[in-house]
Amino acid sequence: MSAIAEAEKLVFSLSEKDRAELVGKILRSLPLYADDGGPAEARRRDREMDENPDSTISMKQLDDMISERFPFVRQ
């Protein structure tokens, strides 16, 4: 049995309260964000929007596009 499978078996034997506490500890052990270029990508997109404001859409336009594509999703 793999280490993950063994850990999973142990974790699911814990009470809900203990599992929640463990999840919190695991999440706090992780970095706030992965260093995958996300912040650089956000700055690039922000710069593009500043340089070409016509390339942006309003929140209403976004909502309309989502509603059109996914009519079963209610706002």
N, C-alpha and C. Protein backbone atom coordinates (compact mmCIF):
# COMPACT_ATOMS: atom_id res chain seq x y z
N MET A 1 0.85 -1.18 0.00
CA MET A 1 0.00 0.00 0.00
C MET A 1 0.89 1.24 0.00
N SER A 2 0.56 2.22 -0.83
CA SER A 2 1.38 3.43 -0.91
C SER A 2 1.22 4.27 0.36
N ALA A 3 2.17 5.15 0.56
CA ALA A 3 2.13 6.02 1.74
C ALA A 3 0.87 6.87 1.74
N ILE A 4 0.47 7.34 0.56
CA ILE A 4 -0.74 8.17 0.48
C ILE A 4 -1.97 7.35 0.84
N ALA A 5 -2.05 6.14 0.34
CA ALA A 5 -3.20 5.28 0.65
C ALA A 5 -3.25 4.97 2.14
N GLU A 6 -2.10 4.73 2.75
CA GLU A 6 -2.05 4.47 4.20
C GLU A 6 -2.49 5.70 4.98
N ALA A 7 -1.98 6.86 4.58
CA ALA A 7 -2.36 8.10 5.26
C ALA A 7 -3.85 8.37 5.11
N GLU A 8 -4.36 8.14 3.91
CA GLU A 8 -5.79 8.35 3.65
C GLU A 8 -6.64 7.45 4.56
N LYS A 9 -6.23 6.21 4.69
CA LYS A 9 -6.97 5.28 5.55
C LYS A 9 -6.99 5.79 6.99
N LEU A 10 -5.85 6.26 7.47
CA LEU A 10 -5.78 6.80 8.83
C LEU A 10 -6.61 8.07 8.98
N VAL A 11 -6.50 8.96 8.00
CA VAL A 11 -7.23 10.24 8.05
C VAL A 11 -8.73 10.01 8.10
N PHE A 12 -9.23 9.10 7.28
CA PHE A 12 -10.67 8.88 7.25
C PHE A 12 -11.18 8.14 8.48
N SER A 13 -10.27 7.61 9.28
CA SER A 13 -10.70 6.99 10.54
C SER A 13 -10.83 8.03 11.66
N LEU A 14 -10.35 9.25 11.40
CA LEU A 14 -10.44 10.33 12.39
C LEU A 14 -11.85 10.89 12.45
N SER A 15 -12.15 11.56 13.55
CA SER A 15 -13.44 12.24 13.66
C SER A 15 -13.44 13.43 12.71
N GLU A 16 -14.63 13.95 12.43
CA GLU A 16 -14.74 15.11 11.54
C GLU A 16 -13.95 16.29 12.10
N LYS A 17 -14.03 16.50 13.40
CA LYS A 17 -13.31 17.61 14.04
C LYS A 17 -11.80 17.44 13.86
N ASP A 18 -11.30 16.23 14.08
CA ASP A 18 -9.87 15.99 13.93
C ASP A 18 -9.42 16.11 12.47
N ARG A 19 -10.26 15.66 11.54
CA ARG A 19 -9.92 15.81 10.11
C ARG A 19 -9.85 17.29 9.75
N ALA A 20 -10.80 18.08 10.25
CA ALA A 20 -10.79 19.52 9.95
C ALA A 20 -9.53 20.18 10.50
N GLU A 21 -9.14 19.79 11.71
CA GLU A 21 -7.92 20.34 12.30
C GLU A 21 -6.69 19.96 11.47
N LEU A 22 -6.64 18.72 11.03
CA LEU A 22 -5.53 18.24 10.21
C LEU A 22 -5.47 18.99 8.88
N VAL A 23 -6.62 19.18 8.26
CA VAL A 23 -6.67 19.92 6.99
C VAL A 23 -6.10 21.32 7.18
N GLY A 24 -6.50 21.98 8.27
CA GLY A 24 -5.97 23.32 8.55
C GLY A 24 -4.46 23.32 8.67
N LYS A 25 -3.93 22.34 9.37
CA LYS A 25 -2.48 22.26 9.54
C LYS A 25 -1.79 22.02 8.20
N ILE A 26 -2.36 21.15 7.39
CA ILE A 26 -1.77 20.86 6.07
C ILE A 26 -1.80 22.11 5.19
N LEU A 27 -2.95 22.80 5.16
CA LEU A 27 -3.06 24.00 4.34
C LEU A 27 -2.08 25.08 4.80
N ARG A 28 -1.92 25.24 6.11
CA ARG A 28 -0.98 26.25 6.61
C ARG A 28 0.47 25.88 6.28
N SER A 29 0.73 24.62 6.00
CA SER A 29 2.09 24.20 5.67
C SER A 29 2.46 24.50 4.21
N LEU A 30 1.46 24.86 3.41
CA LEU A 30 1.70 25.13 1.98
C LEU A 30 1.95 26.61 1.75
N PRO A 31 2.69 26.96 0.69
CA PRO A 31 2.89 28.38 0.38
C PRO A 31 1.56 29.02 -0.03
N LEU A 32 1.46 30.34 0.14
CA LEU A 32 0.22 31.04 -0.19
C LEU A 32 -0.13 30.91 -1.66
N TYR A 33 0.86 30.90 -2.51
CA TYR A 33 0.62 30.70 -3.94
C TYR A 33 1.85 30.03 -4.53
N ALA A 34 1.60 29.30 -5.58
CA ALA A 34 2.71 28.63 -6.26
C ALA A 34 3.48 29.66 -7.08
N ASP A 35 4.77 29.53 -7.09
CA ASP A 35 5.59 30.45 -7.88
C ASP A 35 5.64 29.95 -9.31
N ASP A 36 4.49 30.05 -9.98
CA ASP A 36 4.36 29.54 -11.34
C ASP A 36 4.24 30.65 -12.36
N GLY A 37 4.64 31.85 -11.98
CA GLY A 37 4.53 32.97 -12.90
C GLY A 37 3.21 33.69 -12.81
N GLY A 38 2.35 33.30 -11.89
CA GLY A 38 1.04 33.92 -11.75
C GLY A 38 1.10 35.42 -11.53
N PRO A 39 1.89 35.90 -10.57
CA PRO A 39 1.97 37.35 -10.37
C PRO A 39 2.49 38.09 -11.60
N ALA A 40 3.47 37.53 -12.28
CA ALA A 40 3.99 38.17 -13.49
C ALA A 40 2.92 38.22 -14.57
N GLU A 41 2.15 37.14 -14.69
CA GLU A 41 1.06 37.09 -15.68
C GLU A 41 0.00 38.13 -15.35
N ALA A 42 -0.31 38.29 -14.07
CA ALA A 42 -1.30 39.29 -13.66
C ALA A 42 -0.83 40.70 -13.99
N ARG A 43 0.45 40.98 -13.74
CA ARG A 43 0.99 42.31 -14.08
C ARG A 43 0.96 42.54 -15.59
N ARG A 44 1.28 41.50 -16.38
CA ARG A 44 1.26 41.63 -17.84
C ARG A 44 -0.15 41.95 -18.31
N ARG A 45 -1.14 41.24 -17.79
CA ARG A 45 -2.52 41.47 -18.21
C ARG A 45 -3.00 42.85 -17.78
N ASP A 46 -2.59 43.28 -16.58
CA ASP A 46 -2.97 44.61 -16.10
C ASP A 46 -2.39 45.68 -17.02
N ARG A 47 -1.14 45.50 -17.42
CA ARG A 47 -0.49 46.44 -18.33
C ARG A 47 -1.21 46.47 -19.67
N GLU A 48 -1.60 45.30 -20.19
CA GLU A 48 -2.34 45.23 -21.46
C GLU A 48 -3.67 45.97 -21.36
N MET A 49 -4.35 45.84 -20.24
CA MET A 49 -5.64 46.54 -20.08
C MET A 49 -5.43 48.04 -20.02
N ASP A 50 -4.34 48.48 -19.37
CA ASP A 50 -4.05 49.91 -19.32
C ASP A 50 -3.73 50.45 -20.71
N GLU A 51 -3.00 49.66 -21.49
CA GLU A 51 -2.60 50.09 -22.83
C GLU A 51 -3.75 50.04 -23.82
N ASN A 52 -4.72 49.14 -23.61
CA ASN A 52 -5.83 48.99 -24.54
C ASN A 52 -7.13 48.76 -23.75
N PRO A 53 -7.71 49.83 -23.20
CA PRO A 53 -8.92 49.68 -22.39
C PRO A 53 -10.09 49.07 -23.16
N ASP A 54 -10.10 49.20 -24.48
CA ASP A 54 -11.20 48.63 -25.28
C ASP A 54 -11.18 47.10 -25.27
N SER A 55 -10.08 46.52 -24.81
CA SER A 55 -10.00 45.05 -24.79
C SER A 55 -10.69 44.46 -23.56
N THR A 56 -11.13 45.31 -22.65
CA THR A 56 -11.77 44.82 -21.43
C THR A 56 -13.29 44.75 -21.61
N ILE A 57 -13.94 44.01 -20.71
CA ILE A 57 -15.40 43.95 -20.71
C ILE A 57 -15.89 44.27 -19.30
N SER A 58 -17.12 44.72 -19.21
CA SER A 58 -17.69 45.06 -17.91
C SER A 58 -18.14 43.78 -17.19
N MET A 59 -18.42 43.92 -15.91
CA MET A 59 -18.94 42.77 -15.15
C MET A 59 -20.27 42.31 -15.72
N LYS A 60 -21.11 43.27 -16.15
CA LYS A 60 -22.40 42.90 -16.73
C LYS A 60 -22.20 42.09 -18.00
N GLN A 61 -21.25 42.53 -18.85
CA GLN A 61 -20.97 41.77 -20.07
C GLN A 61 -20.50 40.36 -19.73
N LEU A 62 -19.66 40.24 -18.72
CA LEU A 62 -19.18 38.92 -18.30
C LEU A 62 -20.34 38.07 -17.80
N ASP A 63 -21.19 38.66 -16.95
CA ASP A 63 -22.36 37.93 -16.45
C ASP A 63 -23.25 37.47 -17.59
N ASP A 64 -23.48 38.35 -18.57
CA ASP A 64 -24.31 37.99 -19.72
C ASP A 64 -23.69 36.84 -20.52
N MET A 65 -22.37 36.89 -20.71
CA MET A 65 -21.69 35.84 -21.46
C MET A 65 -21.80 34.50 -20.73
N ILE A 66 -21.65 34.54 -19.41
CA ILE A 66 -21.75 33.30 -18.62
C ILE A 66 -23.17 32.76 -18.68
N SER A 67 -24.16 33.65 -18.52
CA SER A 67 -25.56 33.21 -18.56
C SER A 67 -25.92 32.62 -19.92
N GLU A 68 -25.37 33.21 -20.97
CA GLU A 68 -25.64 32.71 -22.32
C GLU A 68 -25.01 31.33 -22.53
N ARG A 69 -23.80 31.18 -22.03
CA ARG A 69 -23.09 29.91 -22.23
C ARG A 69 -23.60 28.81 -21.29
N PHE A 70 -23.99 29.21 -20.09
CA PHE A 70 -24.45 28.25 -19.08
C PHE A 70 -25.83 28.68 -18.57
N PRO A 71 -26.87 28.48 -19.37
CA PRO A 71 -28.20 28.98 -18.98
C PRO A 71 -28.75 28.33 -17.72
N PHE A 72 -28.22 27.18 -17.32
CA PHE A 72 -28.71 26.50 -16.13
C PHE A 72 -28.15 27.12 -14.85
N VAL A 73 -27.16 28.04 -14.98
CA VAL A 73 -26.59 28.71 -13.82
C VAL A 73 -27.39 29.97 -13.55
N ARG A 74 -27.94 30.05 -12.36
CA ARG A 74 -28.74 31.23 -12.01
C ARG A 74 -27.91 32.18 -11.18
N GLN A 75 -28.14 33.46 -11.39
CA GLN A 75 -27.39 34.48 -10.66
C GLN A 75 -28.14 34.90 -9.43
